Amino acid sequence: MNKRKKGSLAEDRACEHIGLLGGTVICRNYYFHTGEIDIIALDRYLGETYLCFIEVKYRKDASLGFPEEAVTRSKQQKILQGAKVFMNHKRIEPSVPVRFDVVSILGDDIKWIKNAFS
């Protein structure tokens, strides 16, 4: 199976997981001039609704490290840029609470790491 197909299947699993935990996926694979955001979702937390920009990382096992460790500083900066582009494009007010999350998939284990970076 090629890398794109594996990534798509991991994103499918991530979207399902987000939904099971009460989140609402509003966009997948948002492309902008310097990159892509895997998933954009809404999630209620402590009485507030957050606009979540989510990176999905998959590893079959931990031999190369945990999936979330692959979200490098450089990748974080690209996601931050993409979030700004998305919010401008959709005319979303800057006052809307925003969060940057990672969905980590290690084999069959999946976890939604909320507020993974800022």
C-alpha atoms as a PDB file:
ATOM      1  CA  MET A   1       0.000   0.000   0.000  1.00  0.00           C
ATOM      2  CA  ASN A   2       1.405   3.397  -0.942  1.00  0.00           C
ATOM      3  CA  LYS A   3       2.020   6.260   1.477  1.00  0.00           C
ATOM      4  CA  ARG A   4      -0.953   8.332   0.260  1.00  0.00           C
ATOM      5  CA  LYS A   5      -3.378   5.418   0.757  1.00  0.00           C
ATOM      6  CA  LYS A   6      -2.006   4.722   4.270  1.00  0.00           C
ATOM      7  CA  GLY A   7      -2.358   8.404   5.126  1.00  0.00           C
ATOM      8  CA  SER A   8      -5.930   8.507   3.871  1.00  0.00           C
ATOM      9  CA  LEU A   9      -6.867   5.419   5.896  1.00  0.00           C
ATOM     10  CA  ALA A  10      -5.249   6.937   9.015  1.00  0.00           C
ATOM     11  CA  GLU A  11      -7.226  10.152   8.472  1.00  0.00           C
ATOM     12  CA  ASP A  12     -10.436   8.117   8.090  1.00  0.00           C
ATOM     13  CA  ARG A  13      -9.731   6.456  11.452  1.00  0.00           C
ATOM     14  CA  ALA A  14      -8.891   9.827  13.021  1.00  0.00           C
ATOM     15  CA  CYS A  15     -12.159  11.384  11.806  1.00  0.00           C
ATOM     16  CA  GLU A  16     -14.134   8.452  13.194  1.00  0.00           C
ATOM     17  CA  HIS A  17     -12.316   8.742  16.532  1.00  0.00           C
ATOM     18  CA  ILE A  18     -12.926  12.492  16.716  1.00  0.00           C
ATOM     19  CA  GLY A  19     -16.629  11.908  16.070  1.00  0.00           C
ATOM     20  CA  LEU A  20     -16.841   9.219  18.744  1.00  0.00           C
ATOM     21  CA  LEU A  21     -15.347  11.663  21.253  1.00  0.00           C
ATOM     22  CA  GLY A  22     -17.875  14.381  20.393  1.00  0.00           C
ATOM     23  CA  GLY A  23     -15.937  16.431  17.865  1.00  0.00           C
ATOM     24  CA  THR A  24     -17.319  17.497  14.493  1.00  0.00           C
ATOM     25  CA  VAL A  25     -15.078  17.338  11.433  1.00  0.00           C
ATOM     26  CA  ILE A  26     -15.740  20.324   9.175  1.00  0.00           C
ATOM     27  CA  CYS A  27     -12.903  19.956   6.652  1.00  0.00           C
ATOM     28  CA  ARG A  28     -10.312  17.418   5.548  1.00  0.00           C
ATOM     29  CA  ASN A  29      -7.111  18.002   3.637  1.00  0.00           C
ATOM     30  CA  TYR A  30      -7.207  21.790   3.599  1.00  0.00           C
ATOM     31  CA  TYR A  31      -4.505  22.830   1.137  1.00  0.00           C
ATOM     32  CA  PHE A  32      -2.840  26.233   1.229  1.00  0.00           C
ATOM     33  CA  HIS A  33       0.189  27.745  -0.494  1.00  0.00           C
ATOM     34  CA  THR A  34       2.851  26.069   1.671  1.00  0.00           C
ATOM     35  CA  GLY A  35       1.180  22.920   2.968  1.00  0.00           C
ATOM     36  CA  GLU A  36      -1.876  21.077   4.150  1.00  0.00           C
ATOM     37  CA  ILE A  37      -3.889  20.646   7.328  1.00  0.00           C
ATOM     38  CA  ASP A  38      -5.164  17.090   7.705  1.00  0.00           C
ATOM     39  CA  ILE A  39      -8.373  17.792   9.628  1.00  0.00           C
ATOM     40  CA  ILE A  40     -10.221  20.873  10.826  1.00  0.00           C
ATOM     41  CA  ALA A  41     -12.874  20.197  13.450  1.00  0.00           C
ATOM     42  CA  LEU A  42     -15.031  21.751  16.134  1.00  0.00           C
ATOM     43  CA  ASP A  43     -14.755  20.478  19.708  1.00  0.00           C
ATOM     44  CA  ARG A  44     -16.455  21.590  22.895  1.00  0.00           C
ATOM     45  CA  TYR A  45     -14.171  21.812  25.897  1.00  0.00           C
ATOM     46  CA  LEU A  46     -14.953  23.372  29.261  1.00  0.00           C
ATOM     47  CA  GLY A  47     -18.106  24.980  27.880  1.00  0.00           C
ATOM     48  CA  GLU A  48     -16.398  26.580  24.893  1.00  0.00           C
ATOM     49  CA  THR A  49     -16.333  25.505  21.249  1.00  0.00           C
ATOM     50  CA  TYR A  50     -12.849  25.352  19.751  1.00  0.00           C
ATOM     51  CA  LEU A  51     -11.816  25.423  16.126  1.00  0.00           C
ATOM     52  CA  CYS A  52      -9.229  22.630  16.000  1.00  0.00           C
ATOM     53  CA  PHE A  53      -6.485  22.252  13.442  1.00  0.00           C
ATOM     54  CA  ILE A  54      -5.415  18.619  13.606  1.00  0.00           C
ATOM     55  CA  GLU A  55      -2.357  16.788  12.303  1.00  0.00           C
ATOM     56  CA  VAL A  56      -2.694  13.014  11.926  1.00  0.00           C
ATOM     57  CA  LYS A  57       0.384  10.836  12.385  1.00  0.00           C
ATOM     58  CA  TYR A  58       0.515   7.053  11.975  1.00  0.00           C
ATOM     59  CA  ARG A  59       3.190   4.499  12.806  1.00  0.00           C
ATOM     60  CA  LYS A  60       2.788   0.743  12.534  1.00  0.00           C
ATOM     61  CA  ASP A  61       5.010   0.374  15.621  1.00  0.00           C
ATOM     62  CA  ALA A  62       7.258   2.486  17.841  1.00  0.00           C
ATOM     63  CA  SER A  63      10.542   1.396  16.269  1.00  0.00           C
ATOM     64  CA  LEU A  64      10.893   4.852  14.686  1.00  0.00           C
ATOM     65  CA  GLY A  65       9.447   6.675  17.699  1.00  0.00           C
ATOM     66  CA  PHE A  66       5.928   7.678  18.626  1.00  0.00           C
ATOM     67  CA  PRO A  67       3.768   9.215  15.897  1.00  0.00           C
ATOM     68  CA  GLU A  68       3.277  12.526  17.706  1.00  0.00           C
ATOM     69  CA  GLU A  69       7.055  13.008  17.839  1.00  0.00           C
ATOM     70  CA  ALA A  70       6.992  13.419  14.045  1.00  0.00           C
ATOM     71  CA  VAL A  71       5.126  16.728  14.356  1.00  0.00           C
ATOM     72  CA  THR A  72       8.262  18.821  14.169  1.00  0.00           C
ATOM     73  CA  ARG A  73       8.605  22.525  14.924  1.00  0.00           C
ATOM     74  CA  SER A  74       8.693  23.153  11.174  1.00  0.00           C
ATOM     75  CA  LYS A  75       5.443  21.210  10.672  1.00  0.00           C
ATOM     76  CA  GLN A  76       3.845  23.097  13.563  1.00  0.00           C
ATOM     77  CA  GLN A  77       4.774  26.420  11.936  1.00  0.00           C
ATOM     78  CA  LYS A  78       3.181  25.317   8.650  1.00  0.00           C
ATOM     79  CA  ILE A  79      -0.022  24.317  10.446  1.00  0.00           C
ATOM     80  CA  LEU A  80      -0.092  27.698  12.220  1.00  0.00           C
ATOM     81  CA  GLN A  81       0.287  29.429   8.836  1.00  0.00           C
ATOM     82  CA  GLY A  82      -2.471  27.272   7.367  1.00  0.00           C
ATOM     83  CA  ALA A  83      -4.784  28.075  10.265  1.00  0.00           C
ATOM     84  CA  LYS A  84      -4.355  31.799   9.580  1.00  0.00           C
ATOM     85  CA  VAL A  85      -5.052  31.268   5.872  1.00  0.00           C
ATOM     86  CA  PHE A  86      -8.160  29.177   6.640  1.00  0.00           C
ATOM     87  CA  MET A  87      -9.529  31.699   9.111  1.00  0.00           C
ATOM     88  CA  ASN A  88      -8.967  34.592   6.693  1.00  0.00           C
ATOM     89  CA  HIS A  89     -10.460  32.656   3.784  1.00  0.00           C
ATOM     90  CA  LYS A  90     -13.566  31.690   5.787  1.00  0.00           C
ATOM     91  CA  ARG A  91     -13.762  35.108   7.472  1.00  0.00           C
ATOM     92  CA  ILE A  92     -13.605  33.625  10.945  1.00  0.00           C
ATOM     93  CA  GLU A  93     -13.189  36.188  13.687  1.00  0.00           C
ATOM     94  CA  PRO A  94      -9.797  36.127  15.464  1.00  0.00           C
ATOM     95  CA  SER A  95     -11.670  35.948  18.781  1.00  0.00           C
ATOM     96  CA  VAL A  96     -12.823  32.370  18.034  1.00  0.00           C
ATOM     97  CA  PRO A  97     -10.959  29.956  20.344  1.00  0.00           C
ATOM     98  CA  VAL A  98      -8.420  27.928  18.353  1.00  0.00           C
ATOM     99  CA  ARG A  99      -6.542  24.780  19.284  1.00  0.00           C
ATOM    100  CA  PHE A 100      -3.783  22.762  17.619  1.00  0.00           C
ATOM    101  CA  ASP A 101      -4.125  19.013  18.112  1.00  0.00           C
ATOM    102  CA  VAL A 102      -2.526  15.765  16.982  1.00  0.00           C
ATOM    103  CA  VAL A 103      -4.227  12.437  16.416  1.00  0.00           C
ATOM    104  CA  SER A 104      -1.586   9.800  17.052  1.00  0.00           C
ATOM    105  CA  ILE A 105      -2.132   6.297  15.683  1.00  0.00           C
ATOM    106  CA  LEU A 106       0.308   3.608  16.789  1.00  0.00           C
ATOM    107  CA  GLY A 107      -0.728   0.261  15.332  1.00  0.00           C
ATOM    108  CA  ASP A 108      -4.298  -0.186  16.536  1.00  0.00           C
ATOM    109  CA  ASP A 109      -4.031   2.400  19.344  1.00  0.00           C
ATOM    110  CA  ILE A 110      -5.359   5.866  18.658  1.00  0.00           C
ATOM    111  CA  LYS A 111      -5.319   8.994  20.799  1.00  0.00           C
ATOM    112  CA  TRP A 112      -6.454  12.562  20.294  1.00  0.00           C
ATOM    113  CA  ILE A 113      -3.873  14.862  21.860  1.00  0.00           C
ATOM    114  CA  LYS A 114      -5.627  18.151  22.467  1.00  0.00           C
ATOM    115  CA  ASN A 115      -3.611  21.368  22.592  1.00  0.00           C
ATOM    116  CA  ALA A 116      -0.523  19.495  21.408  1.00  0.00           C
ATOM    117  CA  PHE A 117       1.223  22.744  20.474  1.00  0.00           C
ATOM    118  CA  SER A 118       0.461  26.464  20.219  1.00  0.00           C
END
